[in-house]
Amino acid sequence: MAKVVFTTNLRRHVECPIVEAEGQTVREVLRVVFAKNDRLRNYVLDDQAALRKHMTILVDGSRLRDLVGLSDPVKPTSNIYVLQALSGG
């Protein structure tokens, strides 16, 4: 199962422990995670179920490419990091 980690700064706003979940894409894995935590879903995804502008996801160290469909592939051994995106200079 893929391991899903929510960064500390995100955990300050909503309860989201490290979890393991099955799925072949980021969307499938997150669907399992969000089934137990609807408040977290609303924080990470917008009303169209796309990744919110202030969020980013890394899958095995690479930034998520499909920000709308979340169709990036996930392996059973993948590490998925969900964090707030940083901006500015």
N, C-alpha and C. Protein backbone atom coordinates (compact mmCIF):
# COMPACT_ATOMS: atom_id res chain seq x y z
N MET A 1 0.84 -1.19 0.00
CA MET A 1 0.00 0.00 0.00
C MET A 1 0.88 1.24 0.00
N ALA A 2 0.42 2.27 -0.69
CA ALA A 2 1.14 3.54 -0.72
C ALA A 2 1.02 4.23 0.63
N LYS A 3 2.08 4.91 1.01
CA LYS A 3 2.09 5.67 2.26
C LYS A 3 1.80 7.13 1.93
N VAL A 4 0.83 7.72 2.64
CA VAL A 4 0.44 9.11 2.41
C VAL A 4 0.82 9.92 3.65
N VAL A 5 1.66 10.94 3.43
CA VAL A 5 2.16 11.76 4.51
C VAL A 5 1.69 13.20 4.30
N PHE A 6 1.12 13.78 5.33
CA PHE A 6 0.70 15.17 5.31
C PHE A 6 1.69 15.95 6.16
N THR A 7 2.21 17.03 5.62
CA THR A 7 3.26 17.77 6.32
C THR A 7 2.74 18.41 7.60
N THR A 8 3.67 18.75 8.47
CA THR A 8 3.35 19.31 9.78
C THR A 8 2.53 20.58 9.66
N ASN A 9 2.88 21.45 8.72
CA ASN A 9 2.13 22.71 8.62
C ASN A 9 0.68 22.46 8.23
N LEU A 10 0.40 21.42 7.47
CA LEU A 10 -0.98 21.07 7.12
C LEU A 10 -1.71 20.47 8.32
N ARG A 11 -0.99 19.68 9.11
CA ARG A 11 -1.59 19.06 10.29
C ARG A 11 -2.00 20.08 11.34
N ARG A 12 -1.45 21.29 11.27
CA ARG A 12 -1.87 22.35 12.20
C ARG A 12 -3.30 22.78 11.92
N HIS A 13 -3.76 22.63 10.67
CA HIS A 13 -5.08 23.11 10.27
C HIS A 13 -6.14 22.02 10.31
N VAL A 14 -5.74 20.78 10.07
CA VAL A 14 -6.71 19.69 10.01
C VAL A 14 -6.01 18.39 10.42
N GLU A 15 -6.72 17.56 11.16
CA GLU A 15 -6.14 16.30 11.61
C GLU A 15 -5.91 15.38 10.41
N CYS A 16 -4.67 14.94 10.24
CA CYS A 16 -4.35 14.08 9.10
C CYS A 16 -3.09 13.27 9.40
N PRO A 17 -3.24 12.17 10.09
CA PRO A 17 -2.10 11.32 10.40
C PRO A 17 -1.56 10.63 9.14
N ILE A 18 -0.38 10.10 9.23
CA ILE A 18 0.20 9.30 8.15
C ILE A 18 -0.66 8.05 8.00
N VAL A 19 -1.01 7.73 6.75
CA VAL A 19 -1.85 6.56 6.49
C VAL A 19 -1.31 5.77 5.31
N GLU A 20 -1.72 4.53 5.21
CA GLU A 20 -1.43 3.71 4.05
C GLU A 20 -2.75 3.39 3.36
N ALA A 21 -2.73 3.46 2.02
CA ALA A 21 -3.96 3.24 1.27
C ALA A 21 -3.62 2.62 -0.08
N GLU A 22 -4.55 1.84 -0.60
CA GLU A 22 -4.36 1.20 -1.90
C GLU A 22 -4.92 2.07 -3.01
N GLY A 23 -4.35 1.92 -4.19
CA GLY A 23 -4.83 2.61 -5.38
C GLY A 23 -3.75 2.61 -6.44
N GLN A 24 -4.16 2.75 -7.69
CA GLN A 24 -3.21 2.77 -8.79
C GLN A 24 -2.91 4.18 -9.27
N THR A 25 -3.71 5.16 -8.83
CA THR A 25 -3.46 6.56 -9.15
C THR A 25 -3.55 7.38 -7.87
N VAL A 26 -3.07 8.61 -7.95
CA VAL A 26 -3.15 9.49 -6.78
C VAL A 26 -4.62 9.67 -6.37
N ARG A 27 -5.51 9.87 -7.34
CA ARG A 27 -6.93 10.05 -7.01
C ARG A 27 -7.48 8.84 -6.26
N GLU A 28 -7.16 7.64 -6.71
CA GLU A 28 -7.68 6.44 -6.04
C GLU A 28 -7.17 6.34 -4.61
N VAL A 29 -5.89 6.62 -4.40
CA VAL A 29 -5.32 6.57 -3.06
C VAL A 29 -5.98 7.62 -2.17
N LEU A 30 -6.09 8.85 -2.68
CA LEU A 30 -6.69 9.91 -1.87
C LEU A 30 -8.16 9.65 -1.60
N ARG A 31 -8.85 9.01 -2.51
CA ARG A 31 -10.26 8.68 -2.28
C ARG A 31 -10.40 7.81 -1.03
N VAL A 32 -9.49 6.87 -0.86
CA VAL A 32 -9.52 6.00 0.33
C VAL A 32 -9.24 6.83 1.58
N VAL A 33 -8.24 7.69 1.50
CA VAL A 33 -7.88 8.53 2.65
C VAL A 33 -9.03 9.47 3.02
N PHE A 34 -9.62 10.12 2.01
CA PHE A 34 -10.67 11.10 2.27
C PHE A 34 -11.98 10.46 2.71
N ALA A 35 -12.18 9.18 2.42
CA ALA A 35 -13.40 8.49 2.86
C ALA A 35 -13.52 8.52 4.38
N LYS A 36 -12.38 8.61 5.05
CA LYS A 36 -12.37 8.65 6.51
C LYS A 36 -12.21 10.06 7.07
N ASN A 37 -11.99 11.05 6.17
CA ASN A 37 -11.70 12.38 6.64
C ASN A 37 -12.18 13.42 5.62
N ASP A 38 -13.47 13.72 5.64
CA ASP A 38 -14.06 14.63 4.66
C ASP A 38 -13.53 16.06 4.81
N ARG A 39 -13.25 16.48 6.02
CA ARG A 39 -12.70 17.83 6.23
C ARG A 39 -11.36 17.97 5.51
N LEU A 40 -10.56 16.94 5.54
CA LEU A 40 -9.27 16.97 4.85
C LEU A 40 -9.47 17.08 3.35
N ARG A 41 -10.43 16.35 2.80
CA ARG A 41 -10.73 16.42 1.36
C ARG A 41 -11.01 17.86 0.95
N ASN A 42 -11.84 18.55 1.73
CA ASN A 42 -12.21 19.92 1.41
C ASN A 42 -11.03 20.88 1.52
N TYR A 43 -10.05 20.54 2.29
CA TYR A 43 -8.87 21.38 2.42
C TYR A 43 -7.91 21.17 1.25
N VAL A 44 -7.81 19.94 0.75
CA VAL A 44 -6.85 19.59 -0.30
C VAL A 44 -7.43 19.79 -1.70
N LEU A 45 -8.70 19.45 -1.90
CA LEU A 45 -9.32 19.52 -3.22
C LEU A 45 -10.35 20.64 -3.28
N ASP A 46 -10.51 21.22 -4.47
CA ASP A 46 -11.52 22.27 -4.63
C ASP A 46 -12.88 21.65 -4.94
N ASP A 47 -13.87 22.48 -5.23
CA ASP A 47 -15.22 21.98 -5.46
C ASP A 47 -15.37 21.21 -6.77
N GLN A 48 -14.35 21.24 -7.62
CA GLN A 48 -14.34 20.45 -8.85
C GLN A 48 -13.49 19.18 -8.69
N ALA A 49 -13.05 18.90 -7.46
CA ALA A 49 -12.21 17.74 -7.12
C ALA A 49 -10.82 17.81 -7.72
N ALA A 50 -10.37 19.02 -8.07
CA ALA A 50 -8.99 19.24 -8.52
C ALA A 50 -8.16 19.70 -7.33
N LEU A 51 -6.87 19.57 -7.44
CA LEU A 51 -5.98 20.01 -6.38
C LEU A 51 -6.09 21.53 -6.21
N ARG A 52 -6.27 21.97 -4.97
CA ARG A 52 -6.36 23.41 -4.71
C ARG A 52 -5.04 24.10 -5.08
N LYS A 53 -5.14 25.37 -5.43
CA LYS A 53 -3.97 26.15 -5.87
C LYS A 53 -2.87 26.22 -4.81
N HIS A 54 -3.26 26.22 -3.55
CA HIS A 54 -2.27 26.37 -2.48
C HIS A 54 -1.70 25.03 -2.00
N MET A 55 -2.00 23.95 -2.71
CA MET A 55 -1.52 22.62 -2.32
C MET A 55 -0.59 22.07 -3.39
N THR A 56 0.27 21.14 -3.00
CA THR A 56 1.08 20.40 -3.95
C THR A 56 1.23 18.97 -3.43
N ILE A 57 1.47 18.06 -4.35
CA ILE A 57 1.63 16.65 -4.00
C ILE A 57 2.88 16.13 -4.68
N LEU A 58 3.67 15.38 -3.94
CA LEU A 58 4.85 14.71 -4.47
C LEU A 58 4.63 13.21 -4.41
N VAL A 59 4.91 12.53 -5.50
CA VAL A 59 4.82 11.08 -5.55
C VAL A 59 6.23 10.56 -5.80
N ASP A 60 6.77 9.87 -4.82
CA ASP A 60 8.14 9.34 -4.90
C ASP A 60 9.13 10.42 -5.32
N GLY A 61 8.96 11.61 -4.74
CA GLY A 61 9.89 12.70 -4.96
C GLY A 61 9.61 13.57 -6.19
N SER A 62 8.64 13.21 -7.00
CA SER A 62 8.31 13.99 -8.19
C SER A 62 6.97 14.71 -8.00
N ARG A 63 6.94 15.95 -8.45
CA ARG A 63 5.72 16.75 -8.31
C ARG A 63 4.60 16.18 -9.18
N LEU A 64 3.40 16.19 -8.64
CA LEU A 64 2.21 15.72 -9.35
C LEU A 64 2.07 16.48 -10.66
N ARG A 65 1.86 15.76 -11.77
CA ARG A 65 1.71 16.40 -13.08
C ARG A 65 0.25 16.72 -13.39
N ASP A 66 -0.65 15.81 -13.06
CA ASP A 66 -2.07 16.00 -13.37
C ASP A 66 -2.77 16.61 -12.17
N LEU A 67 -2.86 17.94 -12.14
CA LEU A 67 -3.43 18.65 -11.00
C LEU A 67 -4.95 18.63 -10.99
N VAL A 68 -5.55 18.25 -12.10
CA VAL A 68 -7.01 18.22 -12.19
C VAL A 68 -7.54 16.79 -12.00
N GLY A 69 -7.04 15.86 -12.79
CA GLY A 69 -7.52 14.49 -12.72
C GLY A 69 -6.84 13.63 -11.67
N LEU A 70 -5.68 14.08 -11.20
CA LEU A 70 -4.88 13.34 -10.20
C LEU A 70 -4.61 11.91 -10.68
N SER A 71 -4.33 11.78 -11.97
CA SER A 71 -4.17 10.45 -12.58
C SER A 71 -2.75 9.93 -12.57
N ASP A 72 -1.82 10.62 -11.94
CA ASP A 72 -0.45 10.14 -11.88
C ASP A 72 -0.42 8.75 -11.25
N PRO A 73 0.39 7.84 -11.81
CA PRO A 73 0.41 6.47 -11.29
C PRO A 73 1.06 6.37 -9.92
N VAL A 74 0.61 5.39 -9.18
CA VAL A 74 1.12 5.10 -7.83
C VAL A 74 1.45 3.62 -7.76
N LYS A 75 2.60 3.31 -7.19
CA LYS A 75 2.99 1.92 -6.95
C LYS A 75 2.61 1.53 -5.52
N PRO A 76 2.52 0.25 -5.25
CA PRO A 76 2.23 -0.17 -3.87
C PRO A 76 3.27 0.32 -2.86
N THR A 77 4.48 0.60 -3.34
CA THR A 77 5.56 1.05 -2.45
C THR A 77 5.76 2.57 -2.48
N SER A 78 4.86 3.29 -3.14
CA SER A 78 5.02 4.75 -3.30
C SER A 78 4.86 5.50 -1.98
N ASN A 79 5.56 6.61 -1.91
CA ASN A 79 5.38 7.58 -0.83
C ASN A 79 4.78 8.82 -1.44
N ILE A 80 3.64 9.24 -0.91
CA ILE A 80 2.93 10.41 -1.39
C ILE A 80 2.96 11.46 -0.30
N TYR A 81 3.47 12.65 -0.64
CA TYR A 81 3.53 13.75 0.31
C TYR A 81 2.56 14.83 -0.13
N VAL A 82 1.70 15.24 0.78
CA VAL A 82 0.73 16.30 0.53
C VAL A 82 1.13 17.49 1.38
N LEU A 83 1.36 18.64 0.72
CA LEU A 83 1.82 19.81 1.45
C LEU A 83 1.25 21.09 0.87
N GLN A 84 1.32 22.12 1.67
CA GLN A 84 0.90 23.43 1.20
C GLN A 84 2.00 23.98 0.31
N ALA A 85 1.62 24.50 -0.86
CA ALA A 85 2.59 25.08 -1.78
C ALA A 85 3.09 26.39 -1.22
N LEU A 86 4.35 26.69 -1.48
CA LEU A 86 4.94 27.94 -1.04
C LEU A 86 5.13 28.85 -2.24
N SER A 87 4.97 30.12 -2.03
CA SER A 87 5.18 31.07 -3.12
C SER A 87 5.85 32.31 -2.56
N GLY A 88 6.24 33.16 -3.44
CA GLY A 88 6.89 34.40 -3.01
C GLY A 88 8.35 34.41 -3.39
N GLY A 89 9.05 35.42 -2.94
CA GLY A 89 10.44 35.53 -3.36
C GLY A 89 11.35 35.91 -2.26
